[in-house]
């Protein structure tokens, strides 16, 4: 066999393996966990409470700015 044929066969083998892996991923059942499993994961977390409070402050400041701009 020529060197070119060997390289081609190696490339085809690699591609076949990659396609097989992709097909496994496509045909695999979806994970059972979804977004609902994250509900409550930050409950009673002081850092998350601080983040929420800072977000509220930012939103209220933006609302106030809009009120001032439109009055």
N, C-alpha and C. Protein backbone atom coordinates (compact mmCIF):
# COMPACT_ATOMS: atom_id res chain seq x y z
N UNK A 1 0.83 -1.18 0.00
CA UNK A 1 0.00 0.00 0.00
C UNK A 1 0.88 1.24 0.00
N UNK A 2 0.38 2.22 -0.65
CA UNK A 2 1.14 3.47 -0.69
C UNK A 2 0.91 4.25 0.60
N UNK A 3 1.79 5.20 0.81
CA UNK A 3 1.70 6.06 1.99
C UNK A 3 0.40 6.85 1.98
N UNK A 4 -0.02 7.29 0.79
CA UNK A 4 -1.25 8.06 0.66
C UNK A 4 -2.46 7.23 1.06
N UNK A 5 -2.49 5.98 0.65
CA UNK A 5 -3.60 5.08 0.98
C UNK A 5 -3.66 4.86 2.49
N UNK A 6 -2.50 4.66 3.11
CA UNK A 6 -2.45 4.46 4.55
C UNK A 6 -2.98 5.68 5.29
N UNK A 7 -2.56 6.85 4.88
CA UNK A 7 -3.03 8.07 5.52
C UNK A 7 -4.54 8.23 5.34
N UNK A 8 -5.03 7.92 4.17
CA UNK A 8 -6.46 8.02 3.90
C UNK A 8 -7.24 7.05 4.79
N UNK A 9 -6.74 5.83 4.92
CA UNK A 9 -7.42 4.85 5.76
C UNK A 9 -7.43 5.30 7.23
N UNK A 10 -6.33 5.90 7.68
CA UNK A 10 -6.27 6.40 9.05
C UNK A 10 -7.28 7.53 9.25
N UNK A 11 -7.37 8.40 8.27
CA UNK A 11 -8.31 9.51 8.37
C UNK A 11 -9.75 8.99 8.38
N UNK A 12 -10.04 8.00 7.53
CA UNK A 12 -11.38 7.43 7.49
C UNK A 12 -11.70 6.75 8.82
N UNK A 13 -10.75 6.02 9.39
CA UNK A 13 -10.95 5.38 10.69
C UNK A 13 -11.26 6.42 11.76
N UNK A 14 -10.52 7.51 11.77
CA UNK A 14 -10.74 8.58 12.74
C UNK A 14 -12.12 9.17 12.57
N UNK A 15 -12.50 9.44 11.33
CA UNK A 15 -13.83 10.00 11.06
C UNK A 15 -14.94 9.04 11.47
N UNK A 16 -14.75 7.75 11.22
CA UNK A 16 -15.77 6.77 11.61
C UNK A 16 -15.95 6.75 13.13
N UNK A 17 -14.85 6.85 13.86
CA UNK A 17 -14.93 6.88 15.33
C UNK A 17 -15.65 8.14 15.80
N UNK A 18 -15.33 9.26 15.18
CA UNK A 18 -15.98 10.52 15.57
C UNK A 18 -17.47 10.47 15.27
N UNK A 19 -17.85 9.94 14.14
CA UNK A 19 -19.27 9.84 13.78
C UNK A 19 -19.98 8.91 14.76
N UNK A 20 -19.34 7.81 15.13
CA UNK A 20 -19.95 6.88 16.08
C UNK A 20 -20.17 7.57 17.43
N UNK A 21 -19.20 8.36 17.89
CA UNK A 21 -19.34 9.09 19.15
C UNK A 21 -20.49 10.10 19.07
N UNK A 22 -20.56 10.81 17.94
CA UNK A 22 -21.63 11.79 17.77
C UNK A 22 -23.00 11.11 17.75
N UNK A 23 -23.09 9.98 17.09
CA UNK A 23 -24.36 9.25 17.03
C UNK A 23 -24.77 8.79 18.43
N UNK A 24 -23.81 8.36 19.24
CA UNK A 24 -24.13 7.95 20.61
C UNK A 24 -24.70 9.13 21.39
N UNK A 25 -24.10 10.30 21.21
CA UNK A 25 -24.58 11.49 21.92
C UNK A 25 -25.99 11.85 21.47
N UNK A 26 -26.23 11.78 20.17
CA UNK A 26 -27.54 12.15 19.63
C UNK A 26 -28.61 11.17 20.10
N UNK A 27 -28.30 9.89 20.10
CA UNK A 27 -29.28 8.87 20.42
C UNK A 27 -29.40 8.59 21.91
N UNK A 28 -28.50 9.13 22.71
CA UNK A 28 -28.55 8.91 24.15
C UNK A 28 -29.79 9.58 24.73
N UNK A 29 -30.39 8.97 25.73
CA UNK A 29 -31.56 9.61 26.34
C UNK A 29 -31.14 10.93 27.00
N UNK A 30 -32.04 11.90 26.98
CA UNK A 30 -31.71 13.19 27.60
C UNK A 30 -31.51 13.03 29.10
N UNK A 31 -30.72 13.88 29.68
CA UNK A 31 -30.52 13.78 31.13
C UNK A 31 -31.84 14.00 31.87
N UNK A 32 -31.99 13.34 32.98
CA UNK A 32 -33.25 13.44 33.72
C UNK A 32 -33.35 14.75 34.49
N UNK A 33 -32.20 15.36 34.80
CA UNK A 33 -32.25 16.62 35.52
C UNK A 33 -32.60 17.75 34.56
N UNK A 34 -33.37 18.67 35.03
CA UNK A 34 -33.67 19.85 34.23
C UNK A 34 -33.57 21.07 35.14
N UNK A 35 -33.99 22.20 34.66
CA UNK A 35 -33.82 23.45 35.40
C UNK A 35 -34.50 23.42 36.76
N UNK A 36 -35.53 22.62 36.89
CA UNK A 36 -36.25 22.59 38.16
C UNK A 36 -35.42 22.02 39.30
N UNK A 37 -34.38 21.27 38.97
CA UNK A 37 -33.53 20.72 40.02
C UNK A 37 -32.68 21.79 40.69
N UNK A 38 -32.63 22.98 40.09
CA UNK A 38 -31.82 24.05 40.68
C UNK A 38 -32.62 24.93 41.63
N UNK A 39 -33.92 24.74 41.67
CA UNK A 39 -34.76 25.57 42.54
C UNK A 39 -34.34 25.34 44.00
N UNK A 40 -34.08 26.45 44.68
CA UNK A 40 -33.74 26.38 46.09
C UNK A 40 -32.29 26.09 46.40
N UNK A 41 -31.47 25.95 45.38
CA UNK A 41 -30.08 25.59 45.66
C UNK A 41 -29.31 26.70 46.37
N UNK A 42 -29.81 27.94 46.32
CA UNK A 42 -29.14 29.04 47.00
C UNK A 42 -29.95 29.53 48.21
N UNK A 43 -30.90 28.74 48.64
CA UNK A 43 -31.71 29.14 49.78
C UNK A 43 -30.81 29.35 51.00
N UNK A 44 -31.06 30.46 51.70
CA UNK A 44 -30.32 30.80 52.92
C UNK A 44 -28.82 31.00 52.68
N UNK A 45 -28.44 31.29 51.47
CA UNK A 45 -27.04 31.57 51.16
C UNK A 45 -26.83 33.08 51.29
N UNK A 46 -26.00 33.52 52.23
CA UNK A 46 -25.83 34.96 52.45
C UNK A 46 -25.25 35.69 51.24
N UNK A 47 -24.39 35.04 50.49
CA UNK A 47 -23.82 35.68 49.29
C UNK A 47 -24.90 35.89 48.25
N UNK A 48 -25.77 34.91 48.07
CA UNK A 48 -26.85 35.05 47.08
C UNK A 48 -27.83 36.13 47.52
N UNK A 49 -28.08 36.21 48.81
CA UNK A 49 -28.97 37.27 49.30
C UNK A 49 -28.38 38.64 49.00
N UNK A 50 -27.08 38.78 49.17
CA UNK A 50 -26.41 40.05 48.87
C UNK A 50 -26.49 40.36 47.38
N UNK A 51 -26.29 39.35 46.54
CA UNK A 51 -26.39 39.54 45.10
C UNK A 51 -27.80 39.99 44.72
N UNK A 52 -28.81 39.34 45.30
CA UNK A 52 -30.19 39.73 45.02
C UNK A 52 -30.45 41.18 45.43
N UNK A 53 -29.98 41.55 46.61
CA UNK A 53 -30.20 42.91 47.10
C UNK A 53 -29.51 43.94 46.20
N UNK A 54 -28.29 43.65 45.77
CA UNK A 54 -27.59 44.58 44.88
C UNK A 54 -28.32 44.71 43.54
N UNK A 55 -28.85 43.60 43.05
CA UNK A 55 -29.64 43.64 41.82
C UNK A 55 -30.88 44.49 41.97
N UNK A 56 -31.56 44.35 43.12
CA UNK A 56 -32.74 45.19 43.39
C UNK A 56 -32.37 46.67 43.40
N UNK A 57 -31.25 47.00 44.03
CA UNK A 57 -30.81 48.40 44.09
C UNK A 57 -30.54 48.95 42.69
N UNK A 58 -29.90 48.14 41.86
CA UNK A 58 -29.59 48.57 40.49
C UNK A 58 -30.89 48.80 39.72
N UNK A 59 -31.81 47.86 39.81
CA UNK A 59 -33.09 48.01 39.08
C UNK A 59 -33.86 49.23 39.55
N UNK A 60 -33.90 49.45 40.87
CA UNK A 60 -34.63 50.60 41.40
C UNK A 60 -33.96 51.91 40.94
N UNK A 61 -32.63 51.95 40.92
CA UNK A 61 -31.93 53.15 40.45
C UNK A 61 -32.25 53.41 38.98
N UNK A 62 -32.32 52.34 38.18
CA UNK A 62 -32.66 52.51 36.77
C UNK A 62 -34.10 53.01 36.61
N UNK A 63 -35.01 52.46 37.42
CA UNK A 63 -36.40 52.93 37.36
C UNK A 63 -36.49 54.41 37.72
N UNK A 64 -35.77 54.79 38.77
CA UNK A 64 -35.79 56.18 39.21
C UNK A 64 -35.21 57.09 38.13
N UNK A 65 -34.17 56.64 37.46
CA UNK A 65 -33.57 57.44 36.38
C UNK A 65 -34.56 57.64 35.25
N UNK A 66 -35.29 56.60 34.90
CA UNK A 66 -36.29 56.70 33.83
C UNK A 66 -37.39 57.66 34.25
N UNK A 67 -37.81 57.59 35.51
CA UNK A 67 -38.84 58.50 36.00
C UNK A 67 -38.37 59.96 35.88
N UNK A 68 -37.11 60.21 36.28
CA UNK A 68 -36.59 61.56 36.21
C UNK A 68 -36.47 62.03 34.75
N UNK A 69 -36.06 61.13 33.87
CA UNK A 69 -35.89 61.49 32.47
C UNK A 69 -37.22 61.80 31.78
N UNK A 70 -38.28 61.18 32.24
CA UNK A 70 -39.59 61.35 31.58
C UNK A 70 -40.50 62.32 32.32
N UNK A 71 -40.01 63.02 33.33
CA UNK A 71 -40.88 63.97 34.00
C UNK A 71 -40.55 65.39 33.60
